[in-house]
């Protein structure tokens, strides 16, 4: 009797494993844009259709808190909830900050929160624009004469 129960439980475990293996992986792209004033998380599928998006203003109404790492964590969590509900399992992360300045304070907190919310992060890419040369600086050839 005990052996029959053991065999049944092993068969059930095998069925569960097969179902997990058969489950199709849905892959998306998470665009994280952080500035010194705000954090935006935008999740799309591979084609580019929007699945969910959130920003600091959705979470809090205090302007001074929108760039806070804690708020960035909640922003990423809110955006990831809908993606997980739709069956997404993996994401590519593209982080972007202000040109010439870099990422805001909430960038790493948002990435960490995405991984904790059940999405597997395949790769993280920094797509911040970098100035190459830029416009001519003020002051002329000989500089500012005092």
N, C-alpha and C. Protein backbone atom coordinates (compact mmCIF):
# COMPACT_ATOMS: atom_id res chain seq x y z
N UNK A 1 0.82 -1.18 0.00
CA UNK A 1 0.00 0.00 0.00
C UNK A 1 0.87 1.27 0.00
N UNK A 2 1.92 1.25 0.82
CA UNK A 2 2.81 2.39 0.88
C UNK A 2 3.57 2.54 -0.44
N UNK A 3 3.94 1.42 -1.03
CA UNK A 3 4.68 1.50 -2.30
C UNK A 3 3.80 2.06 -3.42
N UNK A 4 2.51 1.72 -3.39
CA UNK A 4 1.59 2.25 -4.39
C UNK A 4 1.47 3.78 -4.26
N UNK A 5 1.39 4.24 -3.02
CA UNK A 5 1.31 5.68 -2.79
C UNK A 5 2.60 6.37 -3.23
N UNK A 6 3.72 5.72 -2.97
CA UNK A 6 5.01 6.29 -3.36
C UNK A 6 5.12 6.38 -4.88
N UNK A 7 4.64 5.33 -5.57
CA UNK A 7 4.69 5.32 -7.03
C UNK A 7 3.77 6.41 -7.61
N UNK A 8 2.59 6.58 -7.00
CA UNK A 8 1.66 7.60 -7.46
C UNK A 8 2.25 9.01 -7.28
N UNK A 9 2.89 9.23 -6.14
CA UNK A 9 3.47 10.54 -5.90
C UNK A 9 4.63 10.80 -6.86
N UNK A 10 5.42 9.76 -7.20
CA UNK A 10 6.51 9.93 -8.17
C UNK A 10 5.96 10.26 -9.55
N UNK A 11 4.87 9.60 -9.92
CA UNK A 11 4.24 9.87 -11.22
C UNK A 11 3.71 11.32 -11.27
N UNK A 12 3.11 11.75 -10.16
CA UNK A 12 2.61 13.13 -10.12
C UNK A 12 3.76 14.14 -10.23
N UNK A 13 4.88 13.85 -9.56
CA UNK A 13 6.05 14.73 -9.64
C UNK A 13 6.58 14.80 -11.06
N UNK A 14 6.60 13.66 -11.77
CA UNK A 14 7.06 13.64 -13.16
C UNK A 14 6.14 14.46 -14.05
N UNK A 15 4.82 14.36 -13.82
CA UNK A 15 3.86 15.12 -14.61
C UNK A 15 4.05 16.62 -14.40
N UNK A 16 4.28 17.01 -13.13
CA UNK A 16 4.50 18.42 -12.82
C UNK A 16 5.76 18.93 -13.51
N UNK A 17 6.84 18.14 -13.48
CA UNK A 17 8.08 18.54 -14.13
C UNK A 17 7.90 18.68 -15.64
N UNK A 18 7.14 17.75 -16.23
CA UNK A 18 6.90 17.82 -17.67
C UNK A 18 6.10 19.07 -18.03
N UNK A 19 5.12 19.41 -17.19
CA UNK A 19 4.33 20.62 -17.45
C UNK A 19 5.21 21.87 -17.38
N UNK A 20 6.13 21.89 -16.41
CA UNK A 20 7.03 23.03 -16.28
C UNK A 20 7.94 23.14 -17.50
N UNK A 21 8.42 21.98 -18.00
CA UNK A 21 9.30 21.99 -19.15
C UNK A 21 8.55 22.41 -20.41
N UNK A 22 7.28 22.01 -20.53
CA UNK A 22 6.49 22.31 -21.71
C UNK A 22 6.08 23.78 -21.78
N UNK A 23 6.04 24.45 -20.62
CA UNK A 23 5.60 25.83 -20.58
C UNK A 23 6.49 26.70 -21.46
N UNK A 24 5.87 27.43 -22.36
CA UNK A 24 6.61 28.23 -23.32
C UNK A 24 7.17 29.48 -22.65
N UNK A 25 8.41 29.78 -22.99
CA UNK A 25 9.04 30.97 -22.43
C UNK A 25 8.62 32.19 -23.22
N UNK A 26 8.13 33.19 -22.53
CA UNK A 26 7.83 34.47 -23.17
C UNK A 26 8.92 35.43 -22.76
N UNK A 27 9.50 36.09 -23.75
CA UNK A 27 10.62 36.98 -23.49
C UNK A 27 10.20 38.42 -23.79
N UNK A 28 10.61 39.33 -22.94
CA UNK A 28 10.30 40.75 -23.13
C UNK A 28 11.53 41.61 -22.93
N UNK A 29 11.36 42.89 -23.14
CA UNK A 29 12.44 43.86 -22.96
C UNK A 29 11.97 44.90 -21.95
N UNK A 30 12.77 45.16 -20.93
CA UNK A 30 12.45 46.17 -19.93
C UNK A 30 13.37 47.37 -20.15
N UNK A 31 12.77 48.51 -20.47
CA UNK A 31 13.51 49.75 -20.65
C UNK A 31 13.42 50.55 -19.35
N UNK A 32 14.57 50.79 -18.72
CA UNK A 32 14.60 51.54 -17.47
C UNK A 32 15.31 52.87 -17.75
N UNK A 33 14.58 53.96 -17.56
CA UNK A 33 15.15 55.30 -17.78
C UNK A 33 15.14 56.03 -16.45
N UNK A 34 16.33 56.34 -15.94
CA UNK A 34 16.42 57.01 -14.65
C UNK A 34 17.13 58.35 -14.81
N UNK A 35 16.55 59.36 -14.18
CA UNK A 35 17.18 60.67 -14.14
C UNK A 35 17.36 61.03 -12.67
N UNK A 36 17.84 62.23 -12.43
CA UNK A 36 18.00 62.67 -11.05
C UNK A 36 16.66 63.03 -10.43
N UNK A 37 15.60 63.11 -11.26
CA UNK A 37 14.29 63.51 -10.76
C UNK A 37 13.20 62.43 -10.83
N UNK A 38 13.39 61.38 -11.64
CA UNK A 38 12.32 60.41 -11.84
C UNK A 38 12.87 59.08 -12.32
N UNK A 39 12.03 58.04 -12.29
CA UNK A 39 12.37 56.72 -12.79
C UNK A 39 11.21 56.21 -13.63
N UNK A 40 11.50 55.70 -14.84
CA UNK A 40 10.49 55.14 -15.72
C UNK A 40 10.85 53.69 -16.03
N UNK A 41 9.87 52.79 -15.98
CA UNK A 41 10.07 51.40 -16.38
C UNK A 41 9.02 51.08 -17.42
N UNK A 42 9.46 50.60 -18.58
CA UNK A 42 8.58 50.31 -19.70
C UNK A 42 8.90 48.91 -20.20
N UNK A 43 7.95 47.99 -20.11
CA UNK A 43 8.18 46.61 -20.53
C UNK A 43 7.43 46.35 -21.83
N UNK A 44 8.15 45.80 -22.82
CA UNK A 44 7.55 45.48 -24.11
C UNK A 44 7.86 44.02 -24.45
N UNK A 45 7.14 43.50 -25.47
CA UNK A 45 7.54 42.20 -25.99
C UNK A 45 8.66 42.42 -27.00
N UNK A 46 9.14 41.35 -27.65
CA UNK A 46 10.28 41.49 -28.54
C UNK A 46 9.96 42.30 -29.79
N UNK A 47 8.70 42.36 -30.17
CA UNK A 47 8.30 43.14 -31.34
C UNK A 47 8.30 44.63 -31.01
N UNK A 48 7.94 44.97 -29.78
CA UNK A 48 7.91 46.36 -29.36
C UNK A 48 6.55 46.81 -28.86
N UNK A 49 5.60 45.88 -28.76
CA UNK A 49 4.28 46.21 -28.24
C UNK A 49 4.36 46.40 -26.73
N UNK A 50 3.76 47.47 -26.23
CA UNK A 50 3.82 47.78 -24.80
C UNK A 50 3.01 46.79 -23.99
N UNK A 51 3.62 46.25 -22.95
CA UNK A 51 2.93 45.35 -22.03
C UNK A 51 2.54 46.11 -20.77
N UNK A 52 3.49 46.84 -20.21
CA UNK A 52 3.19 47.67 -19.04
C UNK A 52 4.23 48.77 -18.91
N UNK A 53 3.82 49.85 -18.28
CA UNK A 53 4.78 50.91 -17.98
C UNK A 53 4.34 51.63 -16.71
N UNK A 54 5.33 52.13 -16.01
CA UNK A 54 5.07 52.84 -14.76
C UNK A 54 6.18 53.86 -14.55
N UNK A 55 5.87 54.87 -13.74
CA UNK A 55 6.87 55.88 -13.42
C UNK A 55 6.73 56.26 -11.95
N UNK A 56 7.64 57.09 -11.49
CA UNK A 56 7.61 57.51 -10.09
C UNK A 56 6.34 58.26 -9.73
N UNK A 57 5.76 58.99 -10.67
CA UNK A 57 4.54 59.74 -10.40
C UNK A 57 3.32 58.85 -10.19
N UNK A 58 3.37 57.61 -10.68
CA UNK A 58 2.27 56.67 -10.46
C UNK A 58 2.28 56.20 -9.01
N UNK A 59 3.46 56.09 -8.43
CA UNK A 59 3.60 55.56 -7.07
C UNK A 59 3.42 56.65 -6.01
N UNK A 60 4.07 57.79 -6.22
CA UNK A 60 4.00 58.86 -5.22
C UNK A 60 3.68 60.19 -5.89
N UNK A 61 3.08 61.08 -5.15
CA UNK A 61 2.76 62.40 -5.68
C UNK A 61 3.75 63.46 -5.22
N UNK A 62 4.74 63.07 -4.39
CA UNK A 62 5.75 64.00 -3.92
C UNK A 62 6.87 64.08 -4.97
N UNK A 63 7.10 65.25 -5.51
CA UNK A 63 8.10 65.41 -6.56
C UNK A 63 9.50 65.04 -6.07
N UNK A 64 9.80 65.34 -4.83
CA UNK A 64 11.15 65.09 -4.33
C UNK A 64 11.44 63.60 -4.14
N UNK A 65 10.41 62.75 -4.09
CA UNK A 65 10.61 61.33 -3.84
C UNK A 65 10.64 60.48 -5.10
N UNK A 66 10.30 61.06 -6.26
CA UNK A 66 10.14 60.25 -7.47
C UNK A 66 11.43 59.56 -7.91
N UNK A 67 12.59 60.11 -7.58
CA UNK A 67 13.86 59.50 -7.98
C UNK A 67 14.44 58.60 -6.90
N UNK A 68 13.77 58.50 -5.78
CA UNK A 68 14.22 57.71 -4.64
C UNK A 68 14.35 56.22 -5.02
N UNK A 69 15.41 55.51 -4.58
CA UNK A 69 15.55 54.09 -4.88
C UNK A 69 14.37 53.25 -4.37
N UNK A 70 13.79 53.62 -3.26
CA UNK A 70 12.64 52.87 -2.73
C UNK A 70 11.45 53.00 -3.68
N UNK A 71 11.20 54.19 -4.18
CA UNK A 71 10.11 54.40 -5.13
C UNK A 71 10.42 53.68 -6.44
N UNK A 72 11.68 53.68 -6.87
CA UNK A 72 12.08 52.97 -8.09
C UNK A 72 11.81 51.47 -7.97
N UNK A 73 11.99 50.95 -6.77
CA UNK A 73 11.70 49.54 -6.52
C UNK A 73 10.22 49.25 -6.72
N UNK A 74 9.37 50.12 -6.20
CA UNK A 74 7.92 49.94 -6.35
C UNK A 74 7.47 50.13 -7.79
N UNK A 75 8.13 51.04 -8.51
CA UNK A 75 7.82 51.27 -9.93
C UNK A 75 8.09 49.99 -10.73
N UNK A 76 9.26 49.40 -10.52
CA UNK A 76 9.61 48.18 -11.25
C UNK A 76 8.69 47.02 -10.86
N UNK A 77 8.33 46.96 -9.60
CA UNK A 77 7.43 45.90 -9.13
C UNK A 77 6.06 46.02 -9.79
N UNK A 78 5.56 47.24 -9.89
CA UNK A 78 4.24 47.48 -10.49
C UNK A 78 4.25 47.12 -11.98
N UNK A 79 5.33 47.48 -12.68
CA UNK A 79 5.43 47.16 -14.10
C UNK A 79 5.59 45.66 -14.32
N UNK A 80 6.32 44.99 -13.43
CA UNK A 80 6.58 43.56 -13.59
C UNK A 80 5.35 42.71 -13.28
N UNK A 81 4.47 43.17 -12.41
CA UNK A 81 3.28 42.39 -12.04
C UNK A 81 2.44 42.03 -13.26
N UNK A 82 2.20 43.01 -14.11
CA UNK A 82 1.38 42.77 -15.30
C UNK A 82 2.09 41.83 -16.28
N UNK A 83 3.40 41.99 -16.41
CA UNK A 83 4.16 41.12 -17.31
C UNK A 83 4.13 39.67 -16.84
N UNK A 84 4.25 39.47 -15.55
CA UNK A 84 4.21 38.11 -15.00
C UNK A 84 2.81 37.52 -15.17
N UNK A 85 1.78 38.34 -14.98
CA UNK A 85 0.40 37.87 -15.18
C UNK A 85 0.15 37.42 -16.61
N UNK A 86 0.81 38.08 -17.57
CA UNK A 86 0.65 37.72 -18.97
C UNK A 86 1.54 36.55 -19.39
N UNK A 87 2.34 36.03 -18.47
CA UNK A 87 3.12 34.83 -18.74
C UNK A 87 4.56 35.06 -19.15
N UNK A 88 5.08 36.26 -18.96
CA UNK A 88 6.47 36.52 -19.31
C UNK A 88 7.38 35.91 -18.26
N UNK A 89 8.46 35.26 -18.71
CA UNK A 89 9.38 34.60 -17.80
C UNK A 89 10.79 35.19 -17.85
N UNK A 90 11.21 35.67 -19.01
CA UNK A 90 12.55 36.23 -19.16
C UNK A 90 12.45 37.65 -19.71
N UNK A 91 13.41 38.47 -19.33
CA UNK A 91 13.48 39.82 -19.89
C UNK A 91 14.93 40.22 -20.14
N UNK A 92 15.08 41.06 -21.13
CA UNK A 92 16.33 41.77 -21.37
C UNK A 92 16.14 43.16 -20.79
N UNK A 93 17.16 43.66 -20.11
CA UNK A 93 17.06 44.97 -19.47
C UNK A 93 17.95 45.95 -20.23
N UNK A 94 17.36 47.09 -20.61
CA UNK A 94 18.11 48.18 -21.23
C UNK A 94 17.99 49.39 -20.34
N UNK A 95 19.11 49.77 -19.70
CA UNK A 95 19.13 50.90 -18.78
C UNK A 95 19.62 52.14 -19.53
N UNK A 96 19.00 53.28 -19.22
CA UNK A 96 19.40 54.52 -19.84
C UNK A 96 19.36 55.63 -18.80
N UNK A 97 20.35 56.49 -18.86
CA UNK A 97 20.40 57.65 -17.96
C UNK A 97 20.47 58.92 -18.78
N UNK A 98 20.73 60.04 -18.11
CA UNK A 98 20.84 61.32 -18.81
C UNK A 98 22.16 61.36 -19.57
N UNK A 99 22.15 61.95 -20.75
CA UNK A 99 23.36 62.06 -21.58
C UNK A 99 24.40 62.90 -20.86
N UNK A 100 25.58 62.34 -20.71
CA UNK A 100 26.69 63.05 -20.07
C UNK A 100 26.65 63.04 -18.56
N UNK A 101 25.53 62.65 -17.97
CA UNK A 101 25.40 62.66 -16.51
C UNK A 101 25.42 61.25 -15.95
N UNK A 102 24.67 60.34 -16.57
CA UNK A 102 24.64 58.95 -16.12
C UNK A 102 23.29 58.59 -15.53
N UNK A 103 23.28 57.49 -14.81
CA UNK A 103 22.04 56.95 -14.25
C UNK A 103 21.63 57.71 -12.99
N UNK A 104 20.35 57.69 -12.73
CA UNK A 104 19.82 58.29 -11.51
C UNK A 104 19.96 57.32 -10.35
N UNK A 105 19.51 57.72 -9.18
CA UNK A 105 19.69 56.89 -7.98
C UNK A 105 18.85 55.61 -7.96
N UNK A 106 17.81 55.51 -8.80
CA UNK A 106 16.93 54.36 -8.73
C UNK A 106 17.21 53.25 -9.72
N UNK A 107 18.28 53.36 -10.52
CA UNK A 107 18.53 52.40 -11.60
C UNK A 107 18.76 50.98 -11.08
N UNK A 108 19.67 50.84 -10.14
CA UNK A 108 20.02 49.50 -9.67
C UNK A 108 18.91 48.90 -8.81
N UNK A 109 18.20 49.73 -8.09
CA UNK A 109 17.07 49.24 -7.29
C UNK A 109 15.97 48.69 -8.19
N UNK A 110 15.76 49.33 -9.34
CA UNK A 110 14.73 48.86 -10.27
C UNK A 110 15.10 47.51 -10.87
N UNK A 111 16.36 47.34 -11.24
CA UNK A 111 16.81 46.06 -11.81
C UNK A 111 16.68 44.95 -10.77
N UNK A 112 17.07 45.24 -9.55
CA UNK A 112 16.99 44.26 -8.47
C UNK A 112 15.54 43.85 -8.22
N UNK A 113 14.64 44.81 -8.26
CA UNK A 113 13.23 44.54 -8.01
C UNK A 113 12.62 43.71 -9.14
N UNK A 114 13.05 43.93 -10.38
CA UNK A 114 12.56 43.13 -11.51
C UNK A 114 12.94 41.66 -11.33
N UNK A 115 14.17 41.41 -10.88
CA UNK A 115 14.60 40.02 -10.70
C UNK A 115 13.88 39.35 -9.53
N UNK A 116 13.57 40.12 -8.49
CA UNK A 116 12.87 39.56 -7.34
C UNK A 116 11.40 39.29 -7.61
N UNK A 117 10.84 39.96 -8.63
CA UNK A 117 9.41 39.81 -8.91
C UNK A 117 9.09 38.58 -9.74
N UNK A 118 10.07 37.75 -10.04
CA UNK A 118 9.80 36.50 -10.74
C UNK A 118 10.24 36.47 -12.19
N UNK A 119 10.85 37.54 -12.68
CA UNK A 119 11.34 37.58 -14.05
C UNK A 119 12.83 37.26 -14.06
N UNK A 120 13.21 36.37 -14.98
CA UNK A 120 14.62 36.02 -15.09
C UNK A 120 15.29 37.01 -16.03
N UNK A 121 16.36 37.64 -15.56
CA UNK A 121 17.05 38.65 -16.37
C UNK A 121 18.12 37.96 -17.21
N UNK A 122 17.99 38.07 -18.54
CA UNK A 122 18.95 37.44 -19.44
C UNK A 122 20.20 38.30 -19.59
N UNK A 123 20.02 39.58 -19.84
CA UNK A 123 21.18 40.46 -19.98
C UNK A 123 20.80 41.89 -19.60
N UNK A 124 21.80 42.64 -19.20
CA UNK A 124 21.61 44.05 -18.86
C UNK A 124 22.51 44.87 -19.78
N UNK A 125 21.89 45.80 -20.49
CA UNK A 125 22.62 46.62 -21.45
C UNK A 125 22.46 48.09 -21.07
N UNK A 126 23.58 48.80 -21.04
CA UNK A 126 23.54 50.23 -20.75
C UNK A 126 23.46 50.98 -22.08
N UNK A 127 22.35 51.63 -22.34
CA UNK A 127 22.16 52.33 -23.62
C UNK A 127 22.15 53.85 -23.44
N UNK A 128 22.87 54.34 -22.43
CA UNK A 128 22.98 55.78 -22.21
C UNK A 128 23.78 56.41 -23.35
N UNK A 129 23.27 57.50 -23.89
CA UNK A 129 23.97 58.17 -24.98
C UNK A 129 25.20 58.89 -24.42
N UNK A 130 26.31 58.82 -25.17
CA UNK A 130 27.53 59.49 -24.73
C UNK A 130 27.92 60.55 -25.75
N UNK A 131 28.27 61.76 -25.29
CA UNK A 131 28.68 62.80 -26.23
C UNK A 131 30.07 62.51 -26.78
N UNK A 132 30.23 62.70 -28.10
CA UNK A 132 31.53 62.50 -28.74
C UNK A 132 31.96 63.83 -29.36
N UNK A 133 32.71 64.61 -28.61
CA UNK A 133 33.13 65.91 -29.11
C UNK A 133 32.19 67.01 -28.66
N UNK A 134 30.96 66.98 -29.17
CA UNK A 134 29.96 67.94 -28.77
C UNK A 134 30.15 69.31 -29.39
N UNK A 135 29.37 70.28 -28.97
CA UNK A 135 29.47 71.63 -29.54
C UNK A 135 30.72 72.36 -29.05
N UNK A 136 31.06 73.44 -29.76
CA UNK A 136 32.24 74.23 -29.41
C UNK A 136 32.01 74.90 -28.06
N UNK A 137 33.02 74.83 -27.19
CA UNK A 137 32.86 75.40 -25.86
C UNK A 137 33.02 76.92 -25.90
N UNK A 138 32.36 77.57 -24.97
CA UNK A 138 32.35 79.03 -24.90
C UNK A 138 33.73 79.56 -24.50
N UNK A 139 34.09 80.69 -25.05
CA UNK A 139 35.33 81.33 -24.62
C UNK A 139 36.31 81.55 -25.74
N UNK A 140 36.12 80.94 -26.87
CA UNK A 140 37.01 81.14 -28.02
C UNK A 140 38.30 80.35 -27.90
N UNK A 141 39.21 80.62 -28.83
CA UNK A 141 40.43 79.82 -28.93
C UNK A 141 41.38 80.06 -27.75
N UNK A 142 41.48 81.33 -27.31
CA UNK A 142 42.44 81.64 -26.23
C UNK A 142 41.80 81.59 -24.84
N UNK A 143 40.53 81.18 -24.76
CA UNK A 143 39.88 81.05 -23.46
C UNK A 143 39.35 82.37 -22.94
N UNK A 144 38.79 82.36 -21.76
CA UNK A 144 38.23 83.56 -21.15
C UNK A 144 39.37 84.39 -20.56
N UNK A 145 39.40 85.67 -20.95
CA UNK A 145 40.43 86.56 -20.43
C UNK A 145 39.87 87.37 -19.28
N UNK A 146 40.52 87.25 -18.15
CA UNK A 146 39.99 87.88 -16.94
C UNK A 146 40.65 89.22 -16.71
